[in-house]
PDB file of all heavy atoms in Angstrom:
ATOM      1  N   ALA A   1     101.397 108.598 100.180  1.00  0.00           N
ATOM      2  CA  ALA A   1     100.051 109.124 100.398  1.00  0.00           C
ATOM      3  C   ALA A   1     100.071 110.550  99.847  1.00  0.00           C
ATOM      4  O   ALA A   1     100.685 111.426 100.361  1.00  0.00           O
ATOM      5  CB  ALA A   1      99.598 109.115 101.872  1.00  0.00           C
ATOM      6  N   GLU A   2      99.453 110.685  98.654  1.00  0.00           N
ATOM      7  CA  GLU A   2      99.390 112.024  98.009  1.00  0.00           C
ATOM      8  C   GLU A   2      98.269 112.887  98.618  1.00  0.00           C
ATOM      9  O   GLU A   2      97.136 112.560  98.408  1.00  0.00           O
ATOM     10  CB  GLU A   2      99.272 111.814  96.491  1.00  0.00           C
ATOM     11  CG  GLU A   2     100.412 111.074  95.877  1.00  0.00           C
ATOM     12  CD  GLU A   2     100.206 110.944  94.371  1.00  0.00           C
ATOM     13  OE1 GLU A   2      99.251 111.445  93.752  1.00  0.00           O
ATOM     14  OE2 GLU A   2     101.042 110.246  93.760  1.00  0.00           O
ATOM     15  N   GLY A   3      98.685 113.877  99.332  1.00  0.00           N
ATOM     16  CA  GLY A   3      97.726 114.718  99.978  1.00  0.00           C
ATOM     17  C   GLY A   3      97.217 114.012 101.196  1.00  0.00           C
ATOM     18  O   GLY A   3      97.730 113.004 101.594  1.00  0.00           O
ATOM     19  N   ALA A   4      96.216 114.629 101.870  1.00  0.00           N
ATOM     20  CA  ALA A   4      95.664 114.105 103.116  1.00  0.00           C
ATOM     21  C   ALA A   4      94.701 113.012 102.827  1.00  0.00           C
ATOM     22  O   ALA A   4      93.796 113.178 102.007  1.00  0.00           O
ATOM     23  CB  ALA A   4      95.006 115.201 103.870  1.00  0.00           C
ATOM     24  N   LEU A   5      94.865 111.859 103.455  1.00  0.00           N
ATOM     25  CA  LEU A   5      93.876 110.776 103.371  1.00  0.00           C
ATOM     26  C   LEU A   5      92.892 110.970 104.513  1.00  0.00           C
ATOM     27  O   LEU A   5      93.268 111.304 105.629  1.00  0.00           O
ATOM     28  CB  LEU A   5      94.602 109.407 103.526  1.00  0.00           C
ATOM     29  CG  LEU A   5      95.616 109.040 102.480  1.00  0.00           C
ATOM     30  CD1 LEU A   5      96.188 107.648 102.792  1.00  0.00           C
ATOM     31  CD2 LEU A   5      95.032 109.175 101.092  1.00  0.00           C
ATOM     32  N   PRO A   6      91.621 110.720 104.190  1.00  0.00           N
ATOM     33  CA  PRO A   6      90.556 110.967 105.247  1.00  0.00           C
ATOM     34  C   PRO A   6      90.738 109.846 106.326  1.00  0.00           C
ATOM     35  O   PRO A   6      91.095 108.758 106.024  1.00  0.00           O
ATOM     36  CB  PRO A   6      89.289 110.789 104.510  1.00  0.00           C
ATOM     37  CG  PRO A   6      89.561 109.979 103.237  1.00  0.00           C
ATOM     38  CD  PRO A   6      91.063 110.357 102.968  1.00  0.00           C
ATOM     39  N   GLU A   7      90.488 110.232 107.508  1.00  0.00           N
ATOM     40  CA  GLU A   7      90.604 109.307 108.675  1.00  0.00           C
ATOM     41  C   GLU A   7      89.521 108.232 108.547  1.00  0.00           C
ATOM     42  O   GLU A   7      89.798 107.068 108.846  1.00  0.00           O
ATOM     43  CB  GLU A   7      90.479 109.989 109.997  1.00  0.00           C
ATOM     44  CG  GLU A   7      91.660 110.926 110.336  1.00  0.00           C
ATOM     45  CD  GLU A   7      93.013 110.159 110.369  1.00  0.00           C
ATOM     46  OE1 GLU A   7      93.083 109.003 111.001  1.00  0.00           O
ATOM     47  OE2 GLU A   7      94.006 110.636 109.782  1.00  0.00           O
ATOM     48  N   VAL A   8      88.277 108.642 108.171  1.00  0.00           N
ATOM     49  CA  VAL A   8      87.180 107.716 108.093  1.00  0.00           C
ATOM     50  C   VAL A   8      86.412 107.864 106.811  1.00  0.00           C
ATOM     51  O   VAL A   8      86.266 108.965 106.384  1.00  0.00           O
ATOM     52  CB  VAL A   8      86.208 107.918 109.362  1.00  0.00           C
ATOM     53  CG1 VAL A   8      84.974 107.072 109.241  1.00  0.00           C
ATOM     54  CG2 VAL A   8      86.956 107.755 110.658  1.00  0.00           C
ATOM     55  N   VAL A   9      86.161 106.734 106.199  1.00  0.00           N
ATOM     56  CA  VAL A   9      85.224 106.705 104.992  1.00  0.00           C
ATOM     57  C   VAL A   9      84.262 105.586 105.111  1.00  0.00           C
ATOM     58  O   VAL A   9      84.395 104.696 105.990  1.00  0.00           O
ATOM     59  CB  VAL A   9      86.068 106.462 103.635  1.00  0.00           C
ATOM     60  CG1 VAL A   9      87.065 107.543 103.447  1.00  0.00           C
ATOM     61  CG2 VAL A   9      86.727 105.109 103.669  1.00  0.00           C
ATOM     62  N   ARG A  10      83.210 105.590 104.304  1.00  0.00           N
ATOM     63  CA  ARG A  10      82.255 104.463 104.235  1.00  0.00           C
ATOM     64  C   ARG A  10      82.672 103.521 103.223  1.00  0.00           C
ATOM     65  O   ARG A  10      82.766 103.972 102.076  1.00  0.00           O
ATOM     66  CB  ARG A  10      80.822 105.010 103.983  1.00  0.00           C
ATOM     67  CG  ARG A  10      80.235 105.661 105.181  1.00  0.00           C
ATOM     68  CD  ARG A  10      78.777 105.944 105.025  1.00  0.00           C
ATOM     69  NE  ARG A  10      77.911 104.853 104.566  1.00  0.00           N
ATOM     70  CZ  ARG A  10      77.401 103.895 105.358  1.00  0.00           C
ATOM     71  NH1 ARG A  10      77.691 103.934 106.617  1.00  0.00           N
ATOM     72  NH2 ARG A  10      76.726 102.955 104.853  1.00  0.00           N
ATOM     73  N   ALA A  11      82.986 102.308 103.536  1.00  0.00           N
ATOM     74  CA  ALA A  11      83.478 101.310 102.619  1.00  0.00           C
ATOM     75  C   ALA A  11      83.302  99.898 103.177  1.00  0.00           C
ATOM     76  O   ALA A  11      83.040  99.750 104.336  1.00  0.00           O
ATOM     77  CB  ALA A  11      84.868 101.573 102.228  1.00  0.00           C
ATOM     78  N   ASP A  12      83.461  98.948 102.386  1.00  0.00           N
ATOM     79  CA  ASP A  12      83.587  97.522 102.822  1.00  0.00           C
ATOM     80  C   ASP A  12      85.074  97.258 103.219  1.00  0.00           C
ATOM     81  O   ASP A  12      85.881  96.961 102.299  1.00  0.00           O
ATOM     82  CB  ASP A  12      83.066  96.563 101.724  1.00  0.00           C
ATOM     83  CG  ASP A  12      82.978  95.119 102.219  1.00  0.00           C
ATOM     84  OD1 ASP A  12      83.827  94.694 103.010  1.00  0.00           O
ATOM     85  OD2 ASP A  12      82.029  94.444 101.795  1.00  0.00           O
ATOM     86  N   GLU A  13      85.334  97.383 104.444  1.00  0.00           N
ATOM     87  CA  GLU A  13      86.758  97.267 104.876  1.00  0.00           C
ATOM     88  C   GLU A  13      87.385  95.970 104.490  1.00  0.00           C
ATOM     89  O   GLU A  13      88.511  95.856 104.024  1.00  0.00           O
ATOM     90  CB  GLU A  13      86.902  97.531 106.385  1.00  0.00           C
ATOM     91  CG  GLU A  13      88.340  97.441 106.836  1.00  0.00           C
ATOM     92  CD  GLU A  13      88.533  97.825 108.304  1.00  0.00           C
ATOM     93  OE1 GLU A  13      87.453  98.068 108.991  1.00  0.00           O
ATOM     94  OE2 GLU A  13      89.614  97.811 108.718  1.00  0.00           O
ATOM     95  N   LYS A  14      86.660  94.875 104.640  1.00  0.00           N
ATOM     96  CA  LYS A  14      87.214  93.532 104.347  1.00  0.00           C
ATOM     97  C   LYS A  14      87.584  93.454 102.856  1.00  0.00           C
ATOM     98  O   LYS A  14      88.639  93.019 102.432  1.00  0.00           O
ATOM     99  CB  LYS A  14      86.165  92.496 104.653  1.00  0.00           C
ATOM    100  CG  LYS A  14      86.606  91.105 104.343  1.00  0.00           C
ATOM    101  CD  LYS A  14      85.452  90.104 104.561  1.00  0.00           C
ATOM    102  CE  LYS A  14      85.744  88.734 104.010  1.00  0.00           C
ATOM    103  NZ  LYS A  14      84.655  87.846 104.150  1.00  0.00           N
ATOM    104  N   ARG A  15      86.667  93.931 102.004  1.00  0.00           N
ATOM    105  CA  ARG A  15      86.943  93.867 100.523  1.00  0.00           C
ATOM    106  C   ARG A  15      88.108  94.803 100.135  1.00  0.00           C
ATOM    107  O   ARG A  15      88.918  94.474  99.351  1.00  0.00           O
ATOM    108  CB  ARG A  15      85.717  94.214  99.730  1.00  0.00           C
ATOM    109  CG  ARG A  15      84.491  93.375 100.036  1.00  0.00           C
ATOM    110  CD  ARG A  15      84.626  92.025  99.487  1.00  0.00           C
ATOM    111  NE  ARG A  15      83.399  91.276  99.801  1.00  0.00           N
ATOM    112  CZ  ARG A  15      83.345  90.095 100.356  1.00  0.00           C
ATOM    113  NH1 ARG A  15      84.470  89.496 100.674  1.00  0.00           N
ATOM    114  NH2 ARG A  15      82.261  89.536 100.648  1.00  0.00           N
ATOM    115  N   LEU A  16      88.096  95.998 100.663  1.00  0.00           N
ATOM    116  CA  LEU A  16      89.191  96.978 100.342  1.00  0.00           C
ATOM    117  C   LEU A  16      90.521  96.366 100.767  1.00  0.00           C
ATOM    118  O   LEU A  16      91.472  96.393 100.019  1.00  0.00           O
ATOM    119  CB  LEU A  16      88.934  98.307 101.055  1.00  0.00           C
ATOM    120  CG  LEU A  16      90.103  99.346 100.874  1.00  0.00           C
ATOM    121  CD1 LEU A  16      90.256  99.616  99.407  1.00  0.00           C
ATOM    122  CD2 LEU A  16      89.807 100.593 101.653  1.00  0.00           C
ATOM    123  N   ARG A  17      90.593  95.819 101.950  1.00  0.00           N
ATOM    124  CA  ARG A  17      91.871  95.289 102.518  1.00  0.00           C
ATOM    125  C   ARG A  17      92.219  94.071 101.608  1.00  0.00           C
ATOM    126  O   ARG A  17      93.429  93.956 101.269  1.00  0.00           O
ATOM    127  CB  ARG A  17      91.610  94.784 103.956  1.00  0.00           C
ATOM    128  CG  ARG A  17      92.867  94.552 104.748  1.00  0.00           C
ATOM    129  CD  ARG A  17      92.520  94.182 106.152  1.00  0.00           C
ATOM    130  NE  ARG A  17      92.183  95.237 106.983  1.00  0.00           N
ATOM    131  CZ  ARG A  17      93.039  96.017 107.705  1.00  0.00           C
ATOM    132  NH1 ARG A  17      94.276  95.690 107.565  1.00  0.00           N
ATOM    133  NH2 ARG A  17      92.634  97.002 108.493  1.00  0.00           N
ATOM    134  N   GLN A  18      91.333  93.236 101.183  1.00  0.00           N
ATOM    135  CA  GLN A  18      91.551  92.119 100.434  1.00  0.00           C
ATOM    136  C   GLN A  18      92.108  92.501  98.967  1.00  0.00           C
ATOM    137  O   GLN A  18      93.074  91.982  98.487  1.00  0.00           O
ATOM    138  CB  GLN A  18      90.261  91.290 100.158  1.00  0.00           C
ATOM    139  CG  GLN A  18      90.383  90.049  99.441  1.00  0.00           C
ATOM    140  CD  GLN A  18      89.042  89.291  99.287  1.00  0.00           C
ATOM    141  OE1 GLN A  18      87.989  89.889  99.576  1.00  0.00           O
ATOM    142  NE2 GLN A  18      89.074  88.053  98.976  1.00  0.00           N
ATOM    143  N   ILE A  19      91.580  93.536  98.441  1.00  0.00           N
ATOM    144  CA  ILE A  19      91.994  94.037  97.144  1.00  0.00           C
ATOM    145  C   ILE A  19      93.413  94.554  97.242  1.00  0.00           C
ATOM    146  O   ILE A  19      94.250  94.260  96.399  1.00  0.00           O
ATOM    147  CB  ILE A  19      91.022  95.158  96.616  1.00  0.00           C
ATOM    148  CG1 ILE A  19      89.709  94.556  96.153  1.00  0.00           C
ATOM    149  CG2 ILE A  19      91.707  95.894  95.436  1.00  0.00           C
ATOM    150  CD1 ILE A  19      88.575  95.514  95.985  1.00  0.00           C
ATOM    151  N   LEU A  20      93.717  95.356  98.269  1.00  0.00           N
ATOM    152  CA  LEU A  20      95.062  95.922  98.444  1.00  0.00           C
ATOM    153  C   LEU A  20      96.093  94.821  98.711  1.00  0.00           C
ATOM    154  O   LEU A  20      97.192  94.805  98.139  1.00  0.00           O
ATOM    155  CB  LEU A  20      95.042  96.951  99.613  1.00  0.00           C
ATOM    156  CG  LEU A  20      94.313  98.229  99.359  1.00  0.00           C
ATOM    157  CD1 LEU A  20      94.308  99.080 100.632  1.00  0.00           C
ATOM    158  CD2 LEU A  20      94.799  98.996  98.133  1.00  0.00           C
ATOM    159  N   ILE A  21      95.688  93.857  99.510  1.00  0.00           N
ATOM    160  CA  ILE A  21      96.621  92.747  99.822  1.00  0.00           C
ATOM    161  C   ILE A  21      96.892  91.922  98.579  1.00  0.00           C
ATOM    162  O   ILE A  21      98.030  91.575  98.304  1.00  0.00           O
ATOM    163  CB  ILE A  21      96.053  91.872 100.919  1.00  0.00           C
ATOM    164  CG1 ILE A  21      96.163  92.666 102.259  1.00  0.00           C
ATOM    165  CG2 ILE A  21      96.730  90.509 101.026  1.00  0.00           C
ATOM    166  CD1 ILE A  21      95.547  92.005 103.406  1.00  0.00           C
ATOM    167  N   ASN A  22      95.864  91.632  97.772  1.00  0.00           N
ATOM    168  CA  ASN A  22      96.090  90.873  96.524  1.00  0.00           C
ATOM    169  C   ASN A  22      96.995  91.650  95.508  1.00  0.00           C
ATOM    170  O   ASN A  22      97.839  91.055  94.983  1.00  0.00           O
ATOM    171  CB  ASN A  22      94.720  90.577  95.857  1.00  0.00           C
ATOM    172  CG  ASN A  22      93.932  89.505  96.639  1.00  0.00           C
ATOM    173  OD1 ASN A  22      94.518  88.839  97.508  1.00  0.00           O
ATOM    174  ND2 ASN A  22      92.692  89.364  96.298  1.00  0.00           N
ATOM    175  N   LEU A  23      96.678  92.932  95.368  1.00  0.00           N
ATOM    176  CA  LEU A  23      97.441  93.697  94.383  1.00  0.00           C
ATOM    177  C   LEU A  23      98.937  93.820  94.837  1.00  0.00           C
ATOM    178  O   LEU A  23      99.849  93.544  94.046  1.00  0.00           O
ATOM    179  CB  LEU A  23      96.873  95.070  94.198  1.00  0.00           C
ATOM    180  CG  LEU A  23      95.564  95.112  93.490  1.00  0.00           C
ATOM    181  CD1 LEU A  23      94.964  96.555  93.552  1.00  0.00           C
ATOM    182  CD2 LEU A  23      95.691  94.690  92.046  1.00  0.00           C
ATOM    183  N   LEU A  24      99.157  94.207  96.084  1.00  0.00           N
ATOM    184  CA  LEU A  24     100.503  94.375  96.572  1.00  0.00           C
ATOM    185  C   LEU A  24     101.237  93.001  96.721  1.00  0.00           C
ATOM    186  O   LEU A  24     102.420  92.899  96.396  1.00  0.00           O
ATOM    187  CB  LEU A  24     100.499  95.064  97.932  1.00  0.00           C
ATOM    188  CG  LEU A  24     100.158  96.575  97.819  1.00  0.00           C
ATOM    189  CD1 LEU A  24      99.842  97.152  99.152  1.00  0.00           C
ATOM    190  CD2 LEU A  24     101.301  97.319  97.114  1.00  0.00           C
ATOM    191  N   GLY A  25     100.516  91.998  97.127  1.00  0.00           N
ATOM    192  CA  GLY A  25     101.128  90.681  97.228  1.00  0.00           C
ATOM    193  C   GLY A  25     101.587  90.133  95.848  1.00  0.00           C
ATOM    194  O   GLY A  25     102.709  89.674  95.697  1.00  0.00           O
ATOM    195  N   ASN A  26     100.836  90.427  94.821  1.00  0.00           N
ATOM    196  CA  ASN A  26     101.214  89.978  93.455  1.00  0.00           C
ATOM    197  C   ASN A  26     102.359  90.827  92.988  1.00  0.00           C
ATOM    198  O   ASN A  26     103.329  90.292  92.297  1.00  0.00           O
ATOM    199  CB  ASN A  26     100.101  90.111  92.508  1.00  0.00           C
ATOM    200  CG  ASN A  26      99.160  88.933  92.640  1.00  0.00           C
ATOM    201  OD1 ASN A  26      99.415  87.936  93.192  1.00  0.00           O
ATOM    202  ND2 ASN A  26      97.909  89.106  92.151  1.00  0.00           N
ATOM    203  N   ALA A  27     102.396  92.154  93.277  1.00  0.00           N
ATOM    204  CA  ALA A  27     103.505  93.051  92.882  1.00  0.00           C
ATOM    205  C   ALA A  27     104.794  92.529  93.476  1.00  0.00           C
ATOM    206  O   ALA A  27     105.809  92.442  92.785  1.00  0.00           O
ATOM    207  CB  ALA A  27     103.186  94.466  93.233  1.00  0.00           C
ATOM    208  N   ILE A  28     104.775  92.165  94.765  1.00  0.00           N
ATOM    209  CA  ILE A  28     106.025  91.687  95.374  1.00  0.00           C
ATOM    210  C   ILE A  28     106.398  90.331  94.903  1.00  0.00           C
ATOM    211  O   ILE A  28     107.531  89.985  94.619  1.00  0.00           O
ATOM    212  CB  ILE A  28     105.865  91.775  96.912  1.00  0.00           C
ATOM    213  CG1 ILE A  28     105.918  93.289  97.353  1.00  0.00           C
ATOM    214  CG2 ILE A  28     107.008  91.034  97.578  1.00  0.00           C
ATOM    215  CD1 ILE A  28     105.536  93.527  98.759  1.00  0.00           C
ATOM    216  N   LYS A  29     105.395  89.517  94.757  1.00  0.00           N
ATOM    217  CA  LYS A  29     105.610  88.053  94.364  1.00  0.00           C
ATOM    218  C   LYS A  29     106.283  88.006  93.020  1.00  0.00           C
ATOM    219  O   LYS A  29     107.173  87.226  92.756  1.00  0.00           O
ATOM    220  CB  LYS A  29     104.295  87.307  94.362  1.00  0.00           C
ATOM    221  CG  LYS A  29     104.370  85.847  93.912  1.00  0.00           C
ATOM    222  CD  LYS A  29     102.992  85.277  94.011  1.00  0.00           C
ATOM    223  CE  LYS A  29     103.024  83.804  93.517  1.00  0.00           C
ATOM    224  NZ  LYS A  29     101.651  83.239  93.556  1.00  0.00           N
ATOM    225  N   PHE A  30     105.848  88.839  92.060  1.00  0.00           N
ATOM    226  CA  PHE A  30     106.289  88.749  90.676  1.00  0.00           C
ATOM    227  C   PHE A  30     107.426  89.726  90.347  1.00  0.00           C
ATOM    228  O   PHE A  30     107.749  89.902  89.170  1.00  0.00           O
ATOM    229  CB  PHE A  30     105.125  88.814  89.713  1.00  0.00           C
ATOM    230  CG  PHE A  30     104.129  87.655  89.810  1.00  0.00           C
ATOM    231  CD1 PHE A  30     102.909  87.885  90.412  1.00  0.00           C
ATOM    232  CD2 PHE A  30     104.572  86.454  89.454  1.00  0.00           C
ATOM    233  CE1 PHE A  30     102.040  86.787  90.504  1.00  0.00           C
ATOM    234  CE2 PHE A  30     103.661  85.339  89.578  1.00  0.00           C
ATOM    235  CZ  PHE A  30     102.420  85.556  90.100  1.00  0.00           C
ATOM    236  N   THR A  31     107.958  90.384  91.354  1.00  0.00           N
ATOM    237  CA  THR A  31     109.082  91.303  91.112  1.00  0.00           C
ATOM    238  C   THR A  31     110.290  90.701  91.631  1.00  0.00           C
ATOM    239  O   THR A  31     110.538  90.405  92.853  1.00  0.00           O
ATOM    240  CB  THR A  31     108.870  92.668  91.812  1.00  0.00           C
ATOM    241  OG1 THR A  31     107.594  93.267  91.275  1.00  0.00           O
ATOM    242  CG2 THR A  31     109.989  93.624  91.576  1.00  0.00           C
ATOM    243  N   ALA A  32     111.255  90.403  90.730  1.00  0.00           N
ATOM    244  CA  ALA A  32     112.466  89.707  91.108  1.00  0.00           C
ATOM    245  C   ALA A  32     113.512  90.701  91.732  1.00  0.00           C
ATOM    246  O   ALA A  32     114.233  90.312  92.600  1.00  0.00           O
ATOM    247  CB  ALA A  32     113.076  88.970  89.945  1.00  0.00           C
ATOM    248  N   ALA A  33     113.576  91.871  91.153  1.00  0.00           N
ATOM    249  CA  ALA A  33     114.531  92.864  91.660  1.00  0.00           C
ATOM    250  C   ALA A  33     113.918  94.254  91.424  1.00  0.00           C
ATOM    251  O   ALA A  33     113.107  94.434  90.420  1.00  0.00           O
ATOM    252  CB  ALA A  33     115.828  92.704  90.901  1.00  0.00           C
TER     253      ALA A  33
END
């Protein structure tokens, strides 16, 4: 976390969570080592 992350923001939590999960899931899935 570069710098302070805000405790609360206005966003679509479901979509944000889904995007992060998809991106990180793919990164781990397709990284062999």
